C-alpha atoms as a PDB file:
ATOM      1  CA  MET A   1      -7.395  12.598 -22.100  1.00  0.00           C
ATOM      2  CA  ASN A   2     -10.411  10.852 -23.577  1.00  0.00           C
ATOM      3  CA  HIS A   3     -10.385   7.602 -25.529  1.00  0.00           C
ATOM      4  CA  CYS A   4     -12.876   9.116 -27.976  1.00  0.00           C
ATOM      5  CA  MET A   5      -9.941  11.297 -29.044  1.00  0.00           C
ATOM      6  CA  PHE A   6      -7.052   8.833 -29.040  1.00  0.00           C
ATOM      7  CA  ASP A   7      -5.530   5.826 -27.322  1.00  0.00           C
ATOM      8  CA  GLY A   8      -2.244   5.632 -25.415  1.00  0.00           C
ATOM      9  CA  ILE A   9      -0.181   5.340 -28.594  1.00  0.00           C
ATOM     10  CA  GLY A  10      -1.916   8.372 -30.122  1.00  0.00           C
ATOM     11  CA  ALA A  11      -1.431  10.301 -26.866  1.00  0.00           C
ATOM     12  CA  MET A  12       2.268   9.397 -26.764  1.00  0.00           C
ATOM     13  CA  GLU A  13       2.780  10.409 -30.395  1.00  0.00           C
ATOM     14  CA  PHE A  14       0.961  13.719 -29.765  1.00  0.00           C
ATOM     15  CA  VAL A  15       3.069  14.606 -26.719  1.00  0.00           C
ATOM     16  CA  ASN A  16       6.305  13.624 -28.473  1.00  0.00           C
ATOM     17  CA  SER A  17       5.297  15.648 -31.558  1.00  0.00           C
ATOM     18  CA  TRP A  18       4.584  18.609 -29.272  1.00  0.00           C
ATOM     19  CA  GLY A  19       8.106  18.238 -27.907  1.00  0.00           C
ATOM     20  CA  GLU A  20       9.562  18.118 -31.440  1.00  0.00           C
ATOM     21  CA  LEU A  21       7.739  21.314 -32.418  1.00  0.00           C
ATOM     22  CA  ALA A  22       8.967  22.998 -29.228  1.00  0.00           C
ATOM     23  CA  ARG A  23      12.539  22.193 -30.302  1.00  0.00           C
ATOM     24  CA  GLY A  24      11.971  23.408 -33.867  1.00  0.00           C
ATOM     25  CA  LEU A  25      12.148  19.905 -35.372  1.00  0.00           C
ATOM     26  CA  PRO A  26       9.940  18.387 -38.105  1.00  0.00           C
ATOM     27  CA  LEU A  27       7.389  15.802 -36.966  1.00  0.00           C
ATOM     28  CA  SER A  28       8.882  12.309 -37.011  1.00  0.00           C
ATOM     29  CA  VAL A  29       5.353  10.800 -37.016  1.00  0.00           C
ATOM     30  CA  PRO A  30       2.902  13.071 -38.897  1.00  0.00           C
ATOM     31  CA  PRO A  31      -0.685  12.365 -37.732  1.00  0.00           C
ATOM     32  CA  VAL A  32      -3.140  10.463 -39.921  1.00  0.00           C
ATOM     33  CA  LEU A  33      -6.504  12.089 -39.196  1.00  0.00           C
ATOM     34  CA  ASP A  34      -8.829   9.896 -41.290  1.00  0.00           C
ATOM     35  CA  ARG A  35     -11.311   8.515 -38.717  1.00  0.00           C
ATOM     36  CA  SER A  36     -13.398   6.841 -41.452  1.00  0.00           C
ATOM     37  CA  ILE A  37     -10.894   3.962 -41.430  1.00  0.00           C
ATOM     38  CA  LEU A  38     -12.788   2.513 -38.448  1.00  0.00           C
ATOM     39  CA  LYS A  39     -16.322   3.447 -39.467  1.00  0.00           C
ATOM     40  CA  VAL A  40     -19.292   1.223 -38.715  1.00  0.00           C
ATOM     41  CA  ARG A  41     -20.343  -1.268 -41.377  1.00  0.00           C
ATOM     42  CA  ASN A  42     -23.640  -0.730 -43.185  1.00  0.00           C
ATOM     43  CA  PRO A  43     -25.603  -2.585 -42.004  1.00  0.00           C
ATOM     44  CA  PRO A  44     -23.822  -3.313 -38.694  1.00  0.00           C
ATOM     45  CA  LYS A  45     -22.853  -6.965 -38.140  1.00  0.00           C
ATOM     46  CA  ILE A  46     -22.473  -8.239 -34.566  1.00  0.00           C
ATOM     47  CA  GLU A  47     -20.682 -11.533 -35.165  1.00  0.00           C
ATOM     48  CA  HIS A  48     -19.114 -12.251 -31.765  1.00  0.00           C
ATOM     49  CA  LEU A  49     -20.155 -12.542 -28.109  1.00  0.00           C
ATOM     50  CA  HIS A  50     -19.012  -9.329 -26.436  1.00  0.00           C
ATOM     51  CA  GLN A  51     -18.852 -10.230 -22.769  1.00  0.00           C
ATOM     52  CA  GLU A  52     -16.812  -7.104 -22.047  1.00  0.00           C
ATOM     53  CA  PHE A  53     -20.189  -5.332 -21.859  1.00  0.00           C
ATOM     54  CA  ALA A  54     -21.923  -8.047 -19.804  1.00  0.00           C
ATOM     55  CA  ASP A  55     -23.315  -7.297 -16.351  1.00  0.00           C
ATOM     56  CA  ILE A  56     -22.196  -9.719 -13.645  1.00  0.00           C
ATOM     57  CA  GLU A  57     -24.298 -10.298 -10.530  1.00  0.00           C
ATOM     58  CA  ASP A  58     -22.315  -9.406  -7.402  1.00  0.00           C
ATOM     59  CA  LYS A  59     -23.153 -12.503  -5.341  1.00  0.00           C
ATOM     60  CA  SER A  60     -20.185 -11.794  -3.039  1.00  0.00           C
ATOM     61  CA  ASN A  61     -21.349  -8.284  -2.096  1.00  0.00           C
ATOM     62  CA  THR A  62     -17.924  -6.871  -2.960  1.00  0.00           C
ATOM     63  CA  SER A  63     -19.500  -3.432  -3.470  1.00  0.00           C
ATOM     64  CA  THR A  64     -20.065  -3.118   0.296  1.00  0.00           C
ATOM     65  CA  LEU A  65     -16.290  -3.431   0.882  1.00  0.00           C
ATOM     66  CA  TYR A  66     -15.770  -0.164  -0.999  1.00  0.00           C
ATOM     67  CA  GLU A  67     -17.607   1.745   1.710  1.00  0.00           C
ATOM     68  CA  ASP A  68     -14.249   1.796   3.555  1.00  0.00           C
ATOM     69  CA  GLU A  69     -11.615   4.396   2.815  1.00  0.00           C
ATOM     70  CA  MET A  70      -9.593   3.700  -0.341  1.00  0.00           C
ATOM     71  CA  VAL A  71      -5.845   3.152  -0.011  1.00  0.00           C
ATOM     72  CA  TYR A  72      -3.469   3.422  -2.979  1.00  0.00           C
ATOM     73  CA  ARG A  73      -0.258   1.424  -3.284  1.00  0.00           C
ATOM     74  CA  SER A  74       2.483   0.714  -5.785  1.00  0.00           C
ATOM     75  CA  PHE A  75       4.128  -2.721  -6.089  1.00  0.00           C
ATOM     76  CA  CYS A  76       7.405  -3.078  -7.970  1.00  0.00           C
ATOM     77  CA  PHE A  77       8.152  -6.259  -9.919  1.00  0.00           C
ATOM     78  CA  ASP A  78      11.808  -6.350 -10.926  1.00  0.00           C
ATOM     79  CA  PRO A  79      13.125  -8.617 -13.724  1.00  0.00           C
ATOM     80  CA  GLU A  80      13.924 -11.381 -11.207  1.00  0.00           C
ATOM     81  CA  LYS A  81      10.352 -11.464  -9.849  1.00  0.00           C
ATOM     82  CA  LEU A  82       8.914 -11.398 -13.368  1.00  0.00           C
ATOM     83  CA  LYS A  83      11.186 -14.280 -14.337  1.00  0.00           C
ATOM     84  CA  GLU A  84       9.966 -16.261 -11.298  1.00  0.00           C
ATOM     85  CA  LEU A  85       6.341 -15.708 -12.338  1.00  0.00           C
ATOM     86  CA  LYS A  86       7.066 -17.012 -15.843  1.00  0.00           C
ATOM     87  CA  GLU A  87       8.849 -20.059 -14.442  1.00  0.00           C
ATOM     88  CA  LYS A  88       5.952 -20.732 -12.078  1.00  0.00           C
ATOM     89  CA  ALA A  89       3.498 -20.639 -14.995  1.00  0.00           C
ATOM     90  CA  LEU A  90       5.592 -22.899 -17.232  1.00  0.00           C
ATOM     91  CA  GLU A  91       6.431 -25.435 -14.515  1.00  0.00           C
ATOM     92  CA  ASP A  92       2.824 -26.286 -13.665  1.00  0.00           C
ATOM     93  CA  GLU A  93       1.915 -29.948 -14.102  1.00  0.00           C
ATOM     94  CA  GLY A  94       0.409 -30.952 -17.406  1.00  0.00           C
ATOM     95  CA  GLY A  95       2.503 -28.644 -19.572  1.00  0.00           C
ATOM     96  CA  VAL A  96      -0.454 -26.371 -20.297  1.00  0.00           C
ATOM     97  CA  LEU A  97       1.767 -23.547 -21.590  1.00  0.00           C
ATOM     98  CA  GLU A  98       4.579 -23.580 -24.131  1.00  0.00           C
ATOM     99  CA  SER A  99       5.427 -19.923 -23.543  1.00  0.00           C
ATOM    100  CA  CYS A 100       4.059 -16.821 -21.830  1.00  0.00           C
ATOM    101  CA  THR A 101       4.699 -13.081 -21.748  1.00  0.00           C
ATOM    102  CA  THR A 102       5.411 -10.739 -18.864  1.00  0.00           C
ATOM    103  CA  PHE A 103       2.005  -9.108 -19.306  1.00  0.00           C
ATOM    104  CA  GLU A 104       0.184 -12.447 -19.207  1.00  0.00           C
ATOM    105  CA  VAL A 105       1.809 -13.741 -16.013  1.00  0.00           C
ATOM    106  CA  LEU A 106       1.669 -10.420 -14.160  1.00  0.00           C
ATOM    107  CA  SER A 107      -1.994  -9.903 -15.091  1.00  0.00           C
ATOM    108  CA  ALA A 108      -2.835 -13.430 -13.924  1.00  0.00           C
ATOM    109  CA  PHE A 109      -0.958 -12.969 -10.649  1.00  0.00           C
ATOM    110  CA  VAL A 110      -2.687  -9.664  -9.856  1.00  0.00           C
ATOM    111  CA  TRP A 111      -6.140 -10.929 -10.888  1.00  0.00           C
ATOM    112  CA  ILE A 112      -5.822 -13.951  -8.592  1.00  0.00           C
ATOM    113  CA  ALA A 113      -4.529 -11.866  -5.659  1.00  0.00           C
ATOM    114  CA  ARG A 114      -7.276  -9.248  -5.989  1.00  0.00           C
ATOM    115  CA  THR A 115      -9.983 -11.920  -6.275  1.00  0.00           C
ATOM    116  CA  LYS A 116      -8.721 -13.581  -3.081  1.00  0.00           C
ATOM    117  CA  ALA A 117      -8.391 -10.247  -1.243  1.00  0.00           C
ATOM    118  CA  LEU A 118     -11.993  -9.333  -2.089  1.00  0.00           C
ATOM    119  CA  LYS A 119     -13.046 -12.780  -0.749  1.00  0.00           C
ATOM    120  CA  MET A 120     -15.181 -13.567  -3.762  1.00  0.00           C
ATOM    121  CA  LEU A 121     -17.311 -16.703  -3.427  1.00  0.00           C
ATOM    122  CA  PRO A 122     -16.053 -19.700  -5.458  1.00  0.00           C
ATOM    123  CA  GLU A 123     -19.130 -19.583  -7.713  1.00  0.00           C
ATOM    124  CA  GLN A 124     -18.847 -15.794  -8.210  1.00  0.00           C
ATOM    125  CA  GLU A 125     -18.197 -14.868 -11.831  1.00  0.00           C
ATOM    126  CA  THR A 126     -15.338 -12.414 -12.233  1.00  0.00           C
ATOM    127  CA  LYS A 127     -14.290 -10.542 -15.338  1.00  0.00           C
ATOM    128  CA  LEU A 128     -10.894  -9.344 -16.505  1.00  0.00           C
ATOM    129  CA  LEU A 129     -10.776  -6.501 -19.027  1.00  0.00           C
ATOM    130  CA  PHE A 130      -7.660  -5.225 -20.751  1.00  0.00           C
ATOM    131  CA  ALA A 131      -6.808  -3.344 -23.905  1.00  0.00           C
ATOM    132  CA  VAL A 132      -5.240  -4.989 -26.936  1.00  0.00           C
ATOM    133  CA  ASP A 133      -3.553  -2.817 -29.547  1.00  0.00           C
ATOM    134  CA  GLY A 134      -5.549  -3.455 -32.694  1.00  0.00           C
ATOM    135  CA  ARG A 135      -3.394  -1.325 -34.998  1.00  0.00           C
ATOM    136  CA  ALA A 136      -1.507  -4.292 -36.412  1.00  0.00           C
ATOM    137  CA  LYS A 137      -4.468  -6.684 -36.179  1.00  0.00           C
ATOM    138  CA  PHE A 138      -6.864  -4.760 -38.421  1.00  0.00           C
ATOM    139  CA  GLU A 139      -6.954  -5.804 -42.075  1.00  0.00           C
ATOM    140  CA  PRO A 140      -5.436  -3.709 -43.536  1.00  0.00           C
ATOM    141  CA  LYS A 141      -3.285  -2.493 -40.641  1.00  0.00           C
ATOM    142  CA  LEU A 142      -3.927   1.017 -39.365  1.00  0.00           C
ATOM    143  CA  PRO A 143      -1.411   3.447 -40.910  1.00  0.00           C
ATOM    144  CA  LYS A 144       1.533   4.647 -38.835  1.00  0.00           C
ATOM    145  CA  GLY A 145       0.546   7.835 -37.034  1.00  0.00           C
ATOM    146  CA  TYR A 146      -3.187   6.997 -37.009  1.00  0.00           C
ATOM    147  CA  PHE A 147      -4.573   9.625 -34.648  1.00  0.00           C
ATOM    148  CA  GLY A 148      -7.528   7.956 -33.009  1.00  0.00           C
ATOM    149  CA  ASN A 149      -8.487   5.039 -30.809  1.00  0.00           C
ATOM    150  CA  GLY A 150      -6.999   1.831 -32.209  1.00  0.00           C
ATOM    151  CA  ILE A 151      -7.324  -0.317 -29.093  1.00  0.00           C
ATOM    152  CA  ILE A 152     -10.043  -2.791 -28.253  1.00  0.00           C
ATOM    153  CA  LEU A 153     -11.090  -4.157 -24.873  1.00  0.00           C
ATOM    154  CA  THR A 154     -10.918  -7.903 -24.700  1.00  0.00           C
ATOM    155  CA  ASN A 155     -12.206  -9.966 -21.804  1.00  0.00           C
ATOM    156  CA  ALA A 156     -11.992 -13.148 -19.814  1.00  0.00           C
ATOM    157  CA  VAL A 157     -14.877 -14.300 -17.630  1.00  0.00           C
ATOM    158  CA  CYS A 158     -14.657 -17.236 -15.239  1.00  0.00           C
ATOM    159  CA  LYS A 159     -15.639 -18.265 -11.738  1.00  0.00           C
ATOM    160  CA  ALA A 160     -13.541 -16.971  -8.838  1.00  0.00           C
ATOM    161  CA  GLY A 161     -12.999 -20.523  -7.579  1.00  0.00           C
ATOM    162  CA  GLU A 162     -11.424 -21.502 -10.891  1.00  0.00           C
ATOM    163  CA  ILE A 163      -8.673 -18.888 -10.832  1.00  0.00           C
ATOM    164  CA  THR A 164      -8.022 -19.155  -7.086  1.00  0.00           C
ATOM    165  CA  ASN A 165      -7.939 -22.966  -6.819  1.00  0.00           C
ATOM    166  CA  LYS A 166      -6.596 -24.163 -10.159  1.00  0.00           C
ATOM    167  CA  PRO A 167      -2.880 -24.027 -11.094  1.00  0.00           C
ATOM    168  CA  PHE A 168      -1.413 -20.637 -11.939  1.00  0.00           C
ATOM    169  CA  SER A 169      -1.011 -21.704 -15.582  1.00  0.00           C
ATOM    170  CA  TYR A 170      -4.811 -22.020 -15.886  1.00  0.00           C
ATOM    171  CA  THR A 171      -5.332 -18.285 -15.379  1.00  0.00           C
ATOM    172  CA  VAL A 172      -2.414 -17.412 -17.659  1.00  0.00           C
ATOM    173  CA  LYS A 173      -3.999 -19.585 -20.381  1.00  0.00           C
ATOM    174  CA  VAL A 174      -7.372 -17.836 -19.876  1.00  0.00           C
ATOM    175  CA  ILE A 175      -5.621 -14.507 -20.542  1.00  0.00           C
ATOM    176  CA  GLN A 176      -3.792 -15.893 -23.588  1.00  0.00           C
ATOM    177  CA  ASP A 177      -7.124 -17.039 -25.029  1.00  0.00           C
ATOM    178  CA  ALA A 178      -8.578 -13.546 -24.487  1.00  0.00           C
ATOM    179  CA  ILE A 179      -5.691 -12.066 -26.496  1.00  0.00           C
ATOM    180  CA  LYS A 180      -6.070 -14.618 -29.319  1.00  0.00           C
ATOM    181  CA  MET A 181      -9.767 -13.731 -29.542  1.00  0.00           C
ATOM    182  CA  VAL A 182      -8.878 -10.288 -30.910  1.00  0.00           C
ATOM    183  CA  THR A 183      -8.977 -10.490 -34.703  1.00  0.00           C
ATOM    184  CA  ASP A 184     -10.097  -8.061 -37.407  1.00  0.00           C
ATOM    185  CA  SER A 185     -13.522  -9.740 -37.354  1.00  0.00           C
ATOM    186  CA  TYR A 186     -13.818  -9.401 -33.566  1.00  0.00           C
ATOM    187  CA  MET A 187     -12.820  -5.719 -33.583  1.00  0.00           C
ATOM    188  CA  ARG A 188     -15.204  -4.824 -36.415  1.00  0.00           C
ATOM    189  CA  SER A 189     -17.961  -6.652 -34.536  1.00  0.00           C
ATOM    190  CA  ALA A 190     -17.172  -4.644 -31.367  1.00  0.00           C
ATOM    191  CA  ILE A 191     -17.373  -1.360 -33.299  1.00  0.00           C
ATOM    192  CA  ASP A 192     -20.766  -2.355 -34.689  1.00  0.00           C
ATOM    193  CA  TYR A 193     -21.974  -3.609 -31.285  1.00  0.00           C
ATOM    194  CA  PHE A 194     -21.169  -0.258 -29.711  1.00  0.00           C
ATOM    195  CA  GLU A 195     -22.869   1.645 -32.531  1.00  0.00           C
ATOM    196  CA  VAL A 196     -26.057  -0.396 -32.128  1.00  0.00           C
ATOM    197  CA  THR A 197     -26.216  -0.538 -28.315  1.00  0.00           C
ATOM    198  CA  ARG A 198     -24.170   2.489 -27.103  1.00  0.00           C
ATOM    199  CA  ALA A 199     -23.275   0.216 -24.171  1.00  0.00           C
ATOM    200  CA  ARG A 200     -20.467   0.864 -21.726  1.00  0.00           C
ATOM    201  CA  PRO A 201     -18.448  -2.055 -20.318  1.00  0.00           C
ATOM    202  CA  SER A 202     -19.880  -3.138 -16.981  1.00  0.00           C
ATOM    203  CA  LEU A 203     -17.330  -3.077 -14.145  1.00  0.00           C
ATOM    204  CA  ALA A 204     -19.241  -5.152 -11.569  1.00  0.00           C
ATOM    205  CA  CYS A 205     -16.897  -7.846 -10.159  1.00  0.00           C
ATOM    206  CA  THR A 206     -14.380  -6.745 -12.767  1.00  0.00           C
ATOM    207  CA  LEU A 207     -10.679  -5.943 -12.902  1.00  0.00           C
ATOM    208  CA  LEU A 208      -9.579  -3.579 -15.683  1.00  0.00           C
ATOM    209  CA  ILE A 209      -5.842  -3.616 -16.367  1.00  0.00           C
ATOM    210  CA  THR A 210      -4.311  -0.801 -18.367  1.00  0.00           C
ATOM    211  CA  THR A 211      -0.652  -1.002 -19.283  1.00  0.00           C
ATOM    212  CA  TRP A 212       1.583   1.959 -20.053  1.00  0.00           C
ATOM    213  CA  SER A 213       4.765  -0.091 -19.808  1.00  0.00           C
ATOM    214  CA  ARG A 214       5.282  -0.067 -23.574  1.00  0.00           C
ATOM    215  CA  LEU A 215       4.455   3.617 -24.116  1.00  0.00           C
ATOM    216  CA  PRO A 216       7.720   5.585 -24.390  1.00  0.00           C
ATOM    217  CA  PHE A 217       6.591   8.781 -22.698  1.00  0.00           C
ATOM    218  CA  HIS A 218      10.123   8.839 -21.282  1.00  0.00           C
ATOM    219  CA  THR A 219      11.409   9.946 -24.702  1.00  0.00           C
ATOM    220  CA  THR A 220       9.479  13.240 -24.638  1.00  0.00           C
ATOM    221  CA  ASP A 221      11.767  16.282 -24.765  1.00  0.00           C
ATOM    222  CA  PHE A 222      10.530  19.881 -24.802  1.00  0.00           C
ATOM    223  CA  GLY A 223      14.072  21.238 -24.968  1.00  0.00           C
ATOM    224  CA  TRP A 224      15.297  20.643 -21.423  1.00  0.00           C
ATOM    225  CA  GLY A 225      15.881  16.887 -21.545  1.00  0.00           C
ATOM    226  CA  GLU A 226      13.887  13.739 -20.957  1.00  0.00           C
ATOM    227  CA  PRO A 227      11.427  13.427 -18.040  1.00  0.00           C
ATOM    228  CA  VAL A 228      12.429  11.911 -14.710  1.00  0.00           C
ATOM    229  CA  LEU A 229       9.013  10.286 -14.312  1.00  0.00           C
ATOM    230  CA  SER A 230       5.796   9.960 -16.286  1.00  0.00           C
ATOM    231  CA  GLY A 231       2.408   8.575 -15.329  1.00  0.00           C
ATOM    232  CA  PRO A 232      -1.223   9.493 -14.679  1.00  0.00           C
ATOM    233  CA  VAL A 233      -2.268  11.845 -11.900  1.00  0.00           C
ATOM    234  CA  SER A 234      -4.957   9.426 -10.721  1.00  0.00           C
ATOM    235  CA  LEU A 235      -6.713   6.174 -11.590  1.00  0.00           C
ATOM    236  CA  PRO A 236     -10.057   6.698 -13.364  1.00  0.00           C
ATOM    237  CA  GLU A 237     -12.074   3.957 -11.620  1.00  0.00           C
ATOM    238  CA  LYS A 238     -11.707   1.809  -8.489  1.00  0.00           C
ATOM    239  CA  GLU A 239     -11.580  -1.303 -10.707  1.00  0.00           C
ATOM    240  CA  VAL A 240      -8.551  -0.059 -12.676  1.00  0.00           C
ATOM    241  CA  ILE A 241      -4.983  -1.291 -12.140  1.00  0.00           C
ATOM    242  CA  LEU A 242      -2.093   0.337 -13.988  1.00  0.00           C
ATOM    243  CA  PHE A 243       1.200  -1.212 -15.149  1.00  0.00           C
ATOM    244  CA  LEU A 244       4.056   1.308 -15.510  1.00  0.00           C
ATOM    245  CA  SER A 245       7.604   0.534 -16.623  1.00  0.00           C
ATOM    246  CA  HIS A 246      10.234   1.486 -14.068  1.00  0.00           C
ATOM    247  CA  GLY A 247      13.905   1.425 -13.154  1.00  0.00           C
ATOM    248  CA  GLN A 248      17.097   0.778 -15.018  1.00  0.00           C
ATOM    249  CA  GLU A 249      16.431   0.180 -18.719  1.00  0.00           C
ATOM    250  CA  ARG A 250      12.726   0.258 -17.775  1.00  0.00           C
ATOM    251  CA  ARG A 251      12.749  -3.513 -17.236  1.00  0.00           C
ATOM    252  CA  SER A 252      10.823  -3.434 -13.942  1.00  0.00           C
ATOM    253  CA  ILE A 253       7.069  -2.905 -13.763  1.00  0.00           C
ATOM    254  CA  ASN A 254       5.216  -0.911 -11.131  1.00  0.00           C
ATOM    255  CA  VAL A 255       1.672  -2.091 -10.396  1.00  0.00           C
ATOM    256  CA  LEU A 256      -0.504   0.804  -9.177  1.00  0.00           C
ATOM    257  CA  LEU A 257      -3.960   0.299  -7.685  1.00  0.00           C
ATOM    258  CA  GLY A 258      -6.425   1.324  -5.019  1.00  0.00           C
ATOM    259  CA  LEU A 259      -8.388  -0.929  -2.664  1.00  0.00           C
ATOM    260  CA  PRO A 260     -10.401  -0.441   0.543  1.00  0.00           C
ATOM    261  CA  ALA A 261      -7.989  -0.359   3.505  1.00  0.00           C
ATOM    262  CA  PRO A 262      -8.899  -3.814   4.997  1.00  0.00           C
ATOM    263  CA  VAL A 263      -8.707  -5.427   1.541  1.00  0.00           C
ATOM    264  CA  MET A 264      -5.350  -3.793   0.788  1.00  0.00           C
ATOM    265  CA  LYS A 265      -3.819  -5.417   3.880  1.00  0.00           C
ATOM    266  CA  ILE A 266      -4.740  -8.860   2.538  1.00  0.00           C
ATOM    267  CA  PHE A 267      -3.690  -7.954  -0.996  1.00  0.00           C
ATOM    268  CA  GLN A 268      -0.236  -6.809   0.125  1.00  0.00           C
ATOM    269  CA  ASP A 269       0.451 -10.226   1.674  1.00  0.00           C
ATOM    270  CA  LEU A 270      -0.751 -11.998  -1.483  1.00  0.00           C
ATOM    271  CA  MET A 271       1.582  -9.944  -3.674  1.00  0.00           C
ATOM    272  CA  GLN A 272       4.654 -11.588  -2.167  1.00  0.00           C
ATOM    273  CA  ILE A 273       6.325 -14.024  -4.557  1.00  0.00           C
END
């Protein structure tokens, strides 16, 4: 799978369509193949600051930690743990948040724990990257069945000391602001930025969260029933963490990631709620 071809939603629709064809059924979501919907503007207009591509100086020498053997673990957050995280975020003094989502609190919790486990210096800048589905945010909205890449990477950049020492709600709010930043204007600017620079997002001192928890791969049926389990064979980069839905009614979330063995020991302790 390559994001030049399609995003997670496009991949899911392709696999499910494949299953429908295998069972002799018509396609429930016929593909829309018009890629010109997201073409670059002429001339390109870069109207926003795109820190997702920014290089961050590794003052904490975190890269040297990755010389150790990588260890991969899965951490399950059931509905009760997720509820506790939301309560923790909303109960912080000052009433910073009126509401928060499961994704926002879980992303904040993992970002803080990983930053602490890597022992980043307080003044070290750290970046969070995650995908936002732009299909409904484009103006006009992308058509149902759009077969292409309709996601955009948004970002949050702050100092390690801010997310590790300030109340939990601070980091959740940083993530909420990153989501609100994604508008039609921002996404068009990102498309033009990439066309002009051909840059790739820098992953130095970065955590990239990808979430499959809302992708219903579990509905795929090639004629012998629904799958027992679905997920990627491996993680593409050491900076990537994956959220997968899990369990009864798919209400739990599995957090999959890899870290150097000594770092993973610290991280495991920090993941206790």
